[in-house]
Amino acid sequence: MNDRSSATLSQWVEGARPRTLPAAVAPVLAGTGVAAYVADVVWGKALLALGVSLALQIGVNYANDYSDGIRGTDDDRVGPLRLVGSGLARPSAVKAAALGFLGLGALLGLALAATTTWWLLLVGVAALGAAWTYTGGPNPYGYRALGEVSVFLFFGLVAVLGTVYVQVEGLPWEAWAAAVGVGALACAILVANNLRDIPTDVEAGKRTLAVVLGDARSRQFYAALVGLSAALAVALAVGATPWALLALPGLLPAVPALRAVLSGAGGPALVPVLKATGVAELLWSAGLALGLVLGR
């Protein structure tokens, strides 16, 4: 490893894993669509929620880079650039970047709590703890097959329900349906990522859900998660407004991704699946938000 950082600005941007950022935007879009359907959008709070989500996502990405890098998990990893594992940046610099973005998320969350209700601080503390201990600390839960649970909880339920609650101070059933749909697609991104990394994770002793389930069942799980998001769009169309079906075209980018996963693609061939699934999550959420606005 290099003694000092040699990473360029573009490499720092790549290290933030921008392809994962749709997973931060999607829940805020879906939640704001629900707010528009049941009451009114509070744009200031919606933008604050977006800032929290983006800051936490980038913070998590840098935190994972740091923690996996110092453990040696990323030494032979296929996929996005790892700043620590590649030796391009000092671990201390990547750790500082992680803490900086997590701190920014905390400050924006504090502003949301101050203008809504203070018990949201407890949710924020839990989110920050989950962000750091995913791969950090002495006993990271991401190494114990709990990564997908955390992603579903924090980038699905908490992010969507929180976005709805700060705007309407209530949690209608539409919010729960949207949250589960977003969470399913966010989980699908991580499933594809961990499916790609099964060989290197096994060698490094990282016990992800994909390692536990095995290759074949992980592929089936990915397909089930995409199918669940489609089913929830239909449920919202039946129970709320037919315009919710506008979410379904958003899943079109997931069709070639599904084909690749179910046909047995592995290694670098799964990298485009991550991007396609992230785009599908973003478009599903945008289509749902538009449908809910039109169906008021």
C-alpha atoms as a PDB file:
ATOM      1  CA  MET A   1       0.000   0.000   0.000  1.00  0.00           C
ATOM      2  CA  ASN A   2       1.209   3.498  -0.784  1.00  0.00           C
ATOM      3  CA  ASP A   3       2.523   5.544   2.117  1.00  0.00           C
ATOM      4  CA  ARG A   4       0.573   8.575   1.027  1.00  0.00           C
ATOM      5  CA  SER A   5      -2.576   9.259  -0.942  1.00  0.00           C
ATOM      6  CA  SER A   6      -2.219   9.546  -4.714  1.00  0.00           C
ATOM      7  CA  ALA A   7      -5.914   9.418  -5.578  1.00  0.00           C
ATOM      8  CA  THR A   8      -7.167  12.063  -7.982  1.00  0.00           C
ATOM      9  CA  LEU A   9     -10.462  13.905  -7.586  1.00  0.00           C
ATOM     10  CA  SER A  10     -12.065  11.664 -10.215  1.00  0.00           C
ATOM     11  CA  GLN A  11     -10.889   8.590  -8.306  1.00  0.00           C
ATOM     12  CA  TRP A  12     -12.376   9.969  -5.092  1.00  0.00           C
ATOM     13  CA  VAL A  13     -15.656  10.468  -6.967  1.00  0.00           C
ATOM     14  CA  GLU A  14     -15.446   6.915  -8.298  1.00  0.00           C
ATOM     15  CA  GLY A  15     -14.657   5.693  -4.789  1.00  0.00           C
ATOM     16  CA  ALA A  16     -17.926   7.246  -3.617  1.00  0.00           C
ATOM     17  CA  ARG A  17     -19.620   4.713  -5.947  1.00  0.00           C
ATOM     18  CA  PRO A  18     -21.975   7.092  -7.762  1.00  0.00           C
ATOM     19  CA  ARG A  19     -23.813   4.168  -9.353  1.00  0.00           C
ATOM     20  CA  THR A  20     -25.305   3.441  -5.916  1.00  0.00           C
ATOM     21  CA  LEU A  21     -26.765   6.938  -5.533  1.00  0.00           C
ATOM     22  CA  PRO A  22     -30.101   6.105  -7.227  1.00  0.00           C
ATOM     23  CA  ALA A  23     -30.741   3.978  -4.137  1.00  0.00           C
ATOM     24  CA  ALA A  24     -30.559   7.194  -2.088  1.00  0.00           C
ATOM     25  CA  VAL A  25     -32.748   9.288  -4.400  1.00  0.00           C
ATOM     26  CA  ALA A  26     -35.420   6.633  -5.010  1.00  0.00           C
ATOM     27  CA  PRO A  27     -36.916   6.447  -1.497  1.00  0.00           C
ATOM     28  CA  VAL A  28     -37.251  10.233  -1.291  1.00  0.00           C
ATOM     29  CA  LEU A  29     -39.015  10.311  -4.672  1.00  0.00           C
ATOM     30  CA  ALA A  30     -41.424   7.560  -3.655  1.00  0.00           C
ATOM     31  CA  GLY A  31     -42.063   9.054  -0.232  1.00  0.00           C
ATOM     32  CA  THR A  32     -42.698  12.516  -1.656  1.00  0.00           C
ATOM     33  CA  GLY A  33     -45.137  10.988  -4.149  1.00  0.00           C
ATOM     34  CA  VAL A  34     -47.053   9.438  -1.274  1.00  0.00           C
ATOM     35  CA  ALA A  35     -47.051  12.788   0.554  1.00  0.00           C
ATOM     36  CA  ALA A  36     -48.495  14.454  -2.543  1.00  0.00           C
ATOM     37  CA  TYR A  37     -51.193  11.784  -2.817  1.00  0.00           C
ATOM     38  CA  VAL A  38     -52.410  11.901   0.785  1.00  0.00           C
ATOM     39  CA  ALA A  39     -51.788  15.587   1.613  1.00  0.00           C
ATOM     40  CA  ASP A  40     -49.292  18.107   0.267  1.00  0.00           C
ATOM     41  CA  VAL A  41     -45.580  18.132  -0.495  1.00  0.00           C
ATOM     42  CA  VAL A  42     -43.408  20.129   1.891  1.00  0.00           C
ATOM     43  CA  TRP A  43     -40.541  20.868  -0.461  1.00  0.00           C
ATOM     44  CA  GLY A  44     -38.093  22.104   2.152  1.00  0.00           C
ATOM     45  CA  LYS A  45     -38.389  18.897   4.147  1.00  0.00           C
ATOM     46  CA  ALA A  46     -38.305  16.763   1.010  1.00  0.00           C
ATOM     47  CA  LEU A  47     -34.995  18.380   0.012  1.00  0.00           C
ATOM     48  CA  LEU A  48     -33.606  17.899   3.524  1.00  0.00           C
ATOM     49  CA  ALA A  49     -34.600  14.220   3.386  1.00  0.00           C
ATOM     50  CA  LEU A  50     -32.825  13.920   0.031  1.00  0.00           C
ATOM     51  CA  GLY A  51     -29.705  15.481   1.495  1.00  0.00           C
ATOM     52  CA  VAL A  52     -29.757  13.061   4.426  1.00  0.00           C
ATOM     53  CA  SER A  53     -30.190  10.079   2.144  1.00  0.00           C
ATOM     54  CA  LEU A  54     -27.401  11.080  -0.259  1.00  0.00           C
ATOM     55  CA  ALA A  55     -24.966  11.959   2.521  1.00  0.00           C
ATOM     56  CA  LEU A  56     -25.554   8.657   4.308  1.00  0.00           C
ATOM     57  CA  GLN A  57     -25.202   6.641   1.092  1.00  0.00           C
ATOM     58  CA  ILE A  58     -21.864   8.258   0.239  1.00  0.00           C
ATOM     59  CA  GLY A  59     -20.745   7.945   3.856  1.00  0.00           C
ATOM     60  CA  VAL A  60     -21.603   4.239   3.871  1.00  0.00           C
ATOM     61  CA  ASN A  61     -19.701   3.709   0.626  1.00  0.00           C
ATOM     62  CA  TYR A  62     -16.535   5.344   1.978  1.00  0.00           C
ATOM     63  CA  ALA A  63     -16.944   3.533   5.303  1.00  0.00           C
ATOM     64  CA  ASN A  64     -17.154   0.183   3.520  1.00  0.00           C
ATOM     65  CA  ASP A  65     -14.110   1.068   1.412  1.00  0.00           C
ATOM     66  CA  TYR A  66     -12.172   1.876   4.592  1.00  0.00           C
ATOM     67  CA  SER A  67     -13.281  -1.108   6.674  1.00  0.00           C
ATOM     68  CA  ASP A  68     -12.998  -3.725   3.921  1.00  0.00           C
ATOM     69  CA  GLY A  69      -9.703  -2.209   2.807  1.00  0.00           C
ATOM     70  CA  ILE A  70      -7.957  -2.474   6.168  1.00  0.00           C
ATOM     71  CA  ARG A  71      -9.222  -6.048   6.523  1.00  0.00           C
ATOM     72  CA  GLY A  72      -7.851  -6.999   3.117  1.00  0.00           C
ATOM     73  CA  THR A  73     -11.279  -8.023   1.817  1.00  0.00           C
ATOM     74  CA  ASP A  74     -10.942  -5.734  -1.212  1.00  0.00           C
ATOM     75  CA  ASP A  75      -7.459  -6.800  -2.298  1.00  0.00           C
ATOM     76  CA  ASP A  76      -8.726  -8.909  -5.226  1.00  0.00           C
ATOM     77  CA  ARG A  77     -12.275  -7.546  -5.575  1.00  0.00           C
ATOM     78  CA  VAL A  78     -13.988  -7.244  -8.956  1.00  0.00           C
ATOM     79  CA  GLY A  79     -16.060  -4.106  -9.551  1.00  0.00           C
ATOM     80  CA  PRO A  80     -15.870  -0.413  -8.602  1.00  0.00           C
ATOM     81  CA  LEU A  81     -12.590   1.205  -7.558  1.00  0.00           C
ATOM     82  CA  ARG A  82     -11.597   0.674  -3.924  1.00  0.00           C
ATOM     83  CA  LEU A  83      -9.454   3.519  -2.652  1.00  0.00           C
ATOM     84  CA  VAL A  84      -7.899   1.698   0.301  1.00  0.00           C
ATOM     85  CA  GLY A  85      -7.700  -1.765  -1.264  1.00  0.00           C
ATOM     86  CA  SER A  86      -5.991  -0.348  -4.360  1.00  0.00           C
ATOM     87  CA  GLY A  87      -3.527   1.670  -2.293  1.00  0.00           C
ATOM     88  CA  LEU A  88      -4.599   4.938  -3.904  1.00  0.00           C
ATOM     89  CA  ALA A  89      -5.603   6.612  -0.636  1.00  0.00           C
ATOM     90  CA  ARG A  90      -4.534   6.377   2.981  1.00  0.00           C
ATOM     91  CA  PRO A  91      -7.028   4.523   5.167  1.00  0.00           C
ATOM     92  CA  SER A  92      -7.159   7.543   7.486  1.00  0.00           C
ATOM     93  CA  ALA A  93      -8.180   9.801   4.580  1.00  0.00           C
ATOM     94  CA  VAL A  94     -10.984   7.475   3.485  1.00  0.00           C
ATOM     95  CA  LYS A  95     -12.137   7.124   7.095  1.00  0.00           C
ATOM     96  CA  ALA A  96     -12.234  10.923   7.394  1.00  0.00           C
ATOM     97  CA  ALA A  97     -14.304  11.160   4.201  1.00  0.00           C
ATOM     98  CA  ALA A  98     -16.737   8.569   5.565  1.00  0.00           C
ATOM     99  CA  LEU A  99     -17.120  10.362   8.880  1.00  0.00           C
ATOM    100  CA  GLY A 100     -17.484  13.699   7.093  1.00  0.00           C
ATOM    101  CA  PHE A 101     -20.413  12.567   4.970  1.00  0.00           C
ATOM    102  CA  LEU A 102     -22.029  10.702   7.861  1.00  0.00           C
ATOM    103  CA  GLY A 103     -21.663  13.869   9.924  1.00  0.00           C
ATOM    104  CA  LEU A 104     -23.282  15.925   7.173  1.00  0.00           C
ATOM    105  CA  GLY A 105     -26.179  13.466   7.116  1.00  0.00           C
ATOM    106  CA  ALA A 106     -26.479  13.821  10.881  1.00  0.00           C
ATOM    107  CA  LEU A 107     -26.640  17.631  10.666  1.00  0.00           C
ATOM    108  CA  LEU A 108     -29.320  17.558   7.976  1.00  0.00           C
ATOM    109  CA  GLY A 109     -31.234  14.953   9.983  1.00  0.00           C
ATOM    110  CA  LEU A 110     -31.010  17.200  13.035  1.00  0.00           C
ATOM    111  CA  ALA A 111     -32.662  19.979  11.032  1.00  0.00           C
ATOM    112  CA  LEU A 112     -35.475  17.605  10.028  1.00  0.00           C
ATOM    113  CA  ALA A 113     -35.979  16.471  13.605  1.00  0.00           C
ATOM    114  CA  ALA A 114     -36.003  20.053  14.879  1.00  0.00           C
ATOM    115  CA  THR A 115     -38.777  20.971  12.452  1.00  0.00           C
ATOM    116  CA  THR A 116     -40.820  17.787  12.905  1.00  0.00           C
ATOM    117  CA  THR A 117     -40.352  15.772  16.097  1.00  0.00           C
ATOM    118  CA  TRP A 118     -37.315  15.046  18.254  1.00  0.00           C
ATOM    119  CA  TRP A 119     -37.842  11.285  18.406  1.00  0.00           C
ATOM    120  CA  LEU A 120     -36.539  11.214  14.832  1.00  0.00           C
ATOM    121  CA  LEU A 121     -33.119  11.687  16.426  1.00  0.00           C
ATOM    122  CA  LEU A 122     -33.322   8.092  17.673  1.00  0.00           C
ATOM    123  CA  VAL A 123     -33.937   6.899  14.124  1.00  0.00           C
ATOM    124  CA  GLY A 124     -30.955   8.944  12.983  1.00  0.00           C
ATOM    125  CA  VAL A 125     -28.666   7.478  15.625  1.00  0.00           C
ATOM    126  CA  ALA A 126     -29.721   3.970  14.591  1.00  0.00           C
ATOM    127  CA  ALA A 127     -29.060   4.771  10.925  1.00  0.00           C
ATOM    128  CA  LEU A 128     -25.595   6.145  11.665  1.00  0.00           C
ATOM    129  CA  GLY A 129     -24.746   3.121  13.785  1.00  0.00           C
ATOM    130  CA  ALA A 130     -25.919   0.778  11.041  1.00  0.00           C
ATOM    131  CA  ALA A 131     -23.901   2.698   8.440  1.00  0.00           C
ATOM    132  CA  TRP A 132     -20.624   2.338  10.335  1.00  0.00           C
ATOM    133  CA  THR A 133     -21.011  -1.207  11.678  1.00  0.00           C
ATOM    134  CA  TYR A 134     -22.038  -2.718   8.331  1.00  0.00           C
ATOM    135  CA  THR A 135     -18.397  -3.553   7.637  1.00  0.00           C
ATOM    136  CA  GLY A 136     -16.750  -1.603  10.474  1.00  0.00           C
ATOM    137  CA  GLY A 137     -16.063  -2.360  14.104  1.00  0.00           C
ATOM    138  CA  PRO A 138     -14.992  -5.642  15.709  1.00  0.00           C
ATOM    139  CA  ASN A 139     -18.057  -7.621  14.629  1.00  0.00           C
ATOM    140  CA  PRO A 140     -19.534  -6.163  11.399  1.00  0.00           C
ATOM    141  CA  TYR A 141     -23.019  -7.423  10.630  1.00  0.00           C
ATOM    142  CA  GLY A 142     -22.356  -7.286   6.880  1.00  0.00           C
ATOM    143  CA  TYR A 143     -20.053 -10.255   7.469  1.00  0.00           C
ATOM    144  CA  ARG A 144     -22.906 -12.151   9.143  1.00  0.00           C
ATOM    145  CA  ALA A 145     -25.452 -12.210   6.297  1.00  0.00           C
ATOM    146  CA  LEU A 146     -27.410  -9.219   7.617  1.00  0.00           C
ATOM    147  CA  GLY A 147     -26.534  -6.651   4.958  1.00  0.00           C
ATOM    148  CA  GLU A 148     -29.757  -7.101   2.999  1.00  0.00           C
ATOM    149  CA  VAL A 149     -31.809  -6.773   6.182  1.00  0.00           C
ATOM    150  CA  SER A 150     -30.152  -3.441   6.941  1.00  0.00           C
ATOM    151  CA  VAL A 151     -30.552  -2.135   3.376  1.00  0.00           C
ATOM    152  CA  PHE A 152     -34.239  -3.075   3.362  1.00  0.00           C
ATOM    153  CA  LEU A 153     -34.766  -1.442   6.730  1.00  0.00           C
ATOM    154  CA  PHE A 154     -32.823   1.799   6.266  1.00  0.00           C
ATOM    155  CA  PHE A 155     -32.891   2.413   2.492  1.00  0.00           C
ATOM    156  CA  GLY A 156     -36.410   1.073   2.143  1.00  0.00           C
ATOM    157  CA  LEU A 157     -38.645   1.369   5.193  1.00  0.00           C
ATOM    158  CA  VAL A 158     -36.875   4.123   7.143  1.00  0.00           C
ATOM    159  CA  ALA A 159     -36.031   6.290   4.115  1.00  0.00           C
ATOM    160  CA  VAL A 160     -39.485   6.160   2.520  1.00  0.00           C
ATOM    161  CA  LEU A 161     -41.525   6.248   5.716  1.00  0.00           C
ATOM    162  CA  GLY A 162     -39.316   9.002   7.114  1.00  0.00           C
ATOM    163  CA  THR A 163     -39.771  11.093   3.967  1.00  0.00           C
ATOM    164  CA  VAL A 164     -43.532  10.680   4.218  1.00  0.00           C
ATOM    165  CA  TYR A 165     -43.715  11.315   7.947  1.00  0.00           C
ATOM    166  CA  VAL A 166     -41.737  14.569   7.980  1.00  0.00           C
ATOM    167  CA  GLN A 167     -44.122  15.969   5.368  1.00  0.00           C
ATOM    168  CA  VAL A 168     -47.543  14.690   6.502  1.00  0.00           C
ATOM    169  CA  GLU A 169     -46.823  13.503  10.088  1.00  0.00           C
ATOM    170  CA  GLY A 170     -48.588  10.221   9.446  1.00  0.00           C
ATOM    171  CA  LEU A 171     -47.906   6.826   7.877  1.00  0.00           C
ATOM    172  CA  PRO A 172     -50.748   5.754   5.538  1.00  0.00           C
ATOM    173  CA  TRP A 173     -50.734   2.267   4.044  1.00  0.00           C
ATOM    174  CA  GLU A 174     -49.555   3.683   0.712  1.00  0.00           C
ATOM    175  CA  ALA A 175     -46.337   4.717   2.433  1.00  0.00           C
ATOM    176  CA  TRP A 176     -45.724   1.164   3.667  1.00  0.00           C
ATOM    177  CA  ALA A 177     -46.388  -0.342   0.230  1.00  0.00           C
ATOM    178  CA  ALA A 178     -44.024   2.126  -1.433  1.00  0.00           C
ATOM    179  CA  ALA A 179     -41.382   1.520   1.238  1.00  0.00           C
ATOM    180  CA  VAL A 180     -41.450  -2.251   0.750  1.00  0.00           C
ATOM    181  CA  GLY A 181     -41.215  -1.834  -3.037  1.00  0.00           C
ATOM    182  CA  VAL A 182     -38.230   0.499  -2.786  1.00  0.00           C
ATOM    183  CA  GLY A 183     -36.604  -1.704  -0.155  1.00  0.00           C
ATOM    184  CA  ALA A 184     -36.972  -4.779  -2.354  1.00  0.00           C
ATOM    185  CA  LEU A 185     -35.137  -3.125  -5.240  1.00  0.00           C
ATOM    186  CA  ALA A 186     -32.451  -1.710  -2.946  1.00  0.00           C
ATOM    187  CA  CYS A 187     -31.924  -5.239  -1.616  1.00  0.00           C
ATOM    188  CA  ALA A 188     -31.720  -6.557  -5.171  1.00  0.00           C
ATOM    189  CA  ILE A 189     -28.747  -4.244  -5.817  1.00  0.00           C
ATOM    190  CA  LEU A 190     -26.889  -5.670  -2.823  1.00  0.00           C
ATOM    191  CA  VAL A 191     -27.835  -9.244  -3.729  1.00  0.00           C
ATOM    192  CA  ALA A 192     -26.326  -8.769  -7.202  1.00  0.00           C
ATOM    193  CA  ASN A 193     -23.225  -7.174  -5.687  1.00  0.00           C
ATOM    194  CA  ASN A 194     -22.729  -9.999  -3.203  1.00  0.00           C
ATOM    195  CA  LEU A 195     -23.515 -12.634  -5.828  1.00  0.00           C
ATOM    196  CA  ARG A 196     -20.640 -11.253  -7.906  1.00  0.00           C
ATOM    197  CA  ASP A 197     -18.326 -11.313  -4.891  1.00  0.00           C
ATOM    198  CA  ILE A 198     -19.064 -14.845  -3.605  1.00  0.00           C
ATOM    199  CA  PRO A 199     -15.632 -16.279  -4.581  1.00  0.00           C
ATOM    200  CA  THR A 200     -13.600 -13.437  -3.040  1.00  0.00           C
ATOM    201  CA  ASP A 201     -15.863 -13.164   0.009  1.00  0.00           C
ATOM    202  CA  VAL A 202     -15.517 -16.888   0.735  1.00  0.00           C
ATOM    203  CA  GLU A 203     -11.741 -16.579   0.494  1.00  0.00           C
ATOM    204  CA  ALA A 204     -11.736 -13.526   2.789  1.00  0.00           C
ATOM    205  CA  GLY A 205     -14.101 -15.115   5.316  1.00  0.00           C
ATOM    206  CA  LYS A 206     -16.886 -12.609   4.635  1.00  0.00           C
ATOM    207  CA  ARG A 207     -20.168 -14.447   5.204  1.00  0.00           C
ATOM    208  CA  THR A 208     -22.707 -12.456   3.191  1.00  0.00           C
ATOM    209  CA  LEU A 209     -26.255 -13.622   2.531  1.00  0.00           C
ATOM    210  CA  ALA A 210     -25.150 -14.689  -0.963  1.00  0.00           C
ATOM    211  CA  VAL A 211     -22.450 -16.872   0.573  1.00  0.00           C
ATOM    212  CA  VAL A 212     -25.027 -18.411   2.925  1.00  0.00           C
ATOM    213  CA  LEU A 213     -27.692 -18.953   0.253  1.00  0.00           C
ATOM    214  CA  GLY A 214     -25.274 -20.063  -2.427  1.00  0.00           C
ATOM    215  CA  ASP A 215     -25.143 -19.079  -6.073  1.00  0.00           C
ATOM    216  CA  ALA A 216     -28.423 -20.601  -7.333  1.00  0.00           C
ATOM    217  CA  ARG A 217     -30.637 -19.426  -4.480  1.00  0.00           C
ATOM    218  CA  SER A 218     -29.131 -15.934  -4.560  1.00  0.00           C
ATOM    219  CA  ARG A 219     -30.158 -15.660  -8.206  1.00  0.00           C
ATOM    220  CA  GLN A 220     -33.688 -16.775  -7.353  1.00  0.00           C
ATOM    221  CA  PHE A 221     -33.796 -14.294  -4.491  1.00  0.00           C
ATOM    222  CA  TYR A 222     -32.827 -11.458  -6.850  1.00  0.00           C
ATOM    223  CA  ALA A 223     -35.675 -12.382  -9.199  1.00  0.00           C
ATOM    224  CA  ALA A 224     -38.136 -12.578  -6.286  1.00  0.00           C
ATOM    225  CA  LEU A 225     -37.200  -9.083  -5.096  1.00  0.00           C
ATOM    226  CA  VAL A 226     -37.758  -7.570  -8.537  1.00  0.00           C
ATOM    227  CA  GLY A 227     -41.071  -9.425  -8.772  1.00  0.00           C
ATOM    228  CA  LEU A 228     -42.127  -8.109  -5.358  1.00  0.00           C
ATOM    229  CA  SER A 229     -41.642  -4.515  -6.479  1.00  0.00           C
ATOM    230  CA  ALA A 230     -43.853  -5.169  -9.508  1.00  0.00           C
ATOM    231  CA  ALA A 231     -46.532  -6.754  -7.305  1.00  0.00           C
ATOM    232  CA  LEU A 232     -46.565  -3.756  -4.981  1.00  0.00           C
ATOM    233  CA  ALA A 233     -47.055  -1.358  -7.875  1.00  0.00           C
ATOM    234  CA  VAL A 234     -50.113  -3.409  -8.852  1.00  0.00           C
ATOM    235  CA  ALA A 235     -51.339  -3.388  -5.247  1.00  0.00           C
ATOM    236  CA  LEU A 236     -51.087   0.392  -5.130  1.00  0.00           C
ATOM    237  CA  ALA A 237     -52.916   0.617  -8.459  1.00  0.00           C
ATOM    238  CA  VAL A 238     -55.773  -1.492  -7.060  1.00  0.00           C
ATOM    239  CA  GLY A 239     -55.938   0.085  -3.598  1.00  0.00           C
ATOM    240  CA  ALA A 240     -55.027   3.694  -4.320  1.00  0.00           C
ATOM    241  CA  THR A 241     -54.969   4.845  -7.945  1.00  0.00           C
ATOM    242  CA  PRO A 242     -54.559   3.072 -11.308  1.00  0.00           C
ATOM    243  CA  TRP A 243     -51.934   5.697 -12.107  1.00  0.00           C
ATOM    244  CA  ALA A 244     -49.573   3.785  -9.800  1.00  0.00           C
ATOM    245  CA  LEU A 245     -49.056   1.395 -12.718  1.00  0.00           C
ATOM    246  CA  LEU A 246     -46.689   4.042 -14.097  1.00  0.00           C
ATOM    247  CA  ALA A 247     -44.125   2.451 -11.793  1.00  0.00           C
ATOM    248  CA  LEU A 248     -44.043  -0.730 -13.880  1.00  0.00           C
ATOM    249  CA  PRO A 249     -42.253   0.681 -16.966  1.00  0.00           C
ATOM    250  CA  GLY A 250     -39.483   1.678 -14.578  1.00  0.00           C
ATOM    251  CA  LEU A 251     -38.629  -1.985 -14.201  1.00  0.00           C
ATOM    252  CA  LEU A 252     -37.715  -2.364 -17.889  1.00  0.00           C
ATOM    253  CA  PRO A 253     -33.967  -1.844 -17.197  1.00  0.00           C
ATOM    254  CA  ALA A 254     -34.197  -4.802 -14.809  1.00  0.00           C
ATOM    255  CA  VAL A 255     -35.289  -7.146 -17.621  1.00  0.00           C
ATOM    256  CA  PRO A 256     -31.794  -7.641 -19.119  1.00  0.00           C
ATOM    257  CA  ALA A 257     -30.420  -7.669 -15.585  1.00  0.00           C
ATOM    258  CA  LEU A 258     -32.808 -10.489 -14.681  1.00  0.00           C
ATOM    259  CA  ARG A 259     -31.799 -12.327 -17.825  1.00  0.00           C
ATOM    260  CA  ALA A 260     -28.125 -12.027 -16.921  1.00  0.00           C
ATOM    261  CA  VAL A 261     -28.652 -13.145 -13.323  1.00  0.00           C
ATOM    262  CA  LEU A 262     -30.879 -16.106 -14.190  1.00  0.00           C
ATOM    263  CA  SER A 263     -28.615 -17.223 -17.044  1.00  0.00           C
ATOM    264  CA  GLY A 264     -25.693 -17.662 -14.653  1.00  0.00           C
ATOM    265  CA  ALA A 265     -23.611 -14.560 -15.398  1.00  0.00           C
ATOM    266  CA  GLY A 266     -20.824 -14.020 -12.886  1.00  0.00           C
ATOM    267  CA  GLY A 267     -17.833 -11.855 -12.058  1.00  0.00           C
ATOM    268  CA  PRO A 268     -17.461  -8.718 -14.220  1.00  0.00           C
ATOM    269  CA  ALA A 269     -20.596  -9.714 -16.192  1.00  0.00           C
ATOM    270  CA  LEU A 270     -22.649  -8.836 -13.098  1.00  0.00           C
ATOM    271  CA  VAL A 271     -21.300  -5.281 -12.842  1.00  0.00           C
ATOM    272  CA  PRO A 272     -23.856  -3.931 -15.397  1.00  0.00           C
ATOM    273  CA  VAL A 273     -26.585  -5.646 -13.355  1.00  0.00           C
ATOM    274  CA  LEU A 274     -25.834  -3.320 -10.435  1.00  0.00           C
ATOM    275  CA  LYS A 275     -26.253  -0.232 -12.611  1.00  0.00           C
ATOM    276  CA  ALA A 276     -29.402  -1.565 -14.302  1.00  0.00           C
ATOM    277  CA  THR A 277     -31.011  -2.450 -10.963  1.00  0.00           C
ATOM    278  CA  GLY A 278     -30.187   0.959  -9.518  1.00  0.00           C
ATOM    279  CA  VAL A 279     -31.695   2.668 -12.562  1.00  0.00           C
ATOM    280  CA  ALA A 280     -34.781   0.446 -12.280  1.00  0.00           C
ATOM    281  CA  GLU A 281     -35.205   1.417  -8.619  1.00  0.00           C
ATOM    282  CA  LEU A 282     -34.956   5.105  -9.491  1.00  0.00           C
ATOM    283  CA  LEU A 283     -37.376   4.869 -12.428  1.00  0.00           C
ATOM    284  CA  TRP A 284     -39.828   2.676 -10.465  1.00  0.00           C
ATOM    285  CA  SER A 285     -39.901   5.302  -7.715  1.00  0.00           C
ATOM    286  CA  ALA A 286     -40.202   8.210 -10.155  1.00  0.00           C
ATOM    287  CA  GLY A 287     -43.027   6.478 -12.030  1.00  0.00           C
ATOM    288  CA  LEU A 288     -44.827   5.715  -8.789  1.00  0.00           C
ATOM    289  CA  ALA A 289     -44.411   9.305  -7.572  1.00  0.00           C
ATOM    290  CA  LEU A 290     -45.783  10.651 -10.851  1.00  0.00           C
ATOM    291  CA  GLY A 291     -48.698   8.215 -10.751  1.00  0.00           C
ATOM    292  CA  LEU A 292     -49.593   9.204  -7.184  1.00  0.00           C
ATOM    293  CA  VAL A 293     -49.468  12.890  -8.087  1.00  0.00           C
ATOM    294  CA  LEU A 294     -51.746  12.317 -11.094  1.00  0.00           C
ATOM    295  CA  GLY A 295     -54.080  10.178  -9.008  1.00  0.00           C
ATOM    296  CA  ARG A 296     -54.715  12.708  -6.226  1.00  0.00           C
END
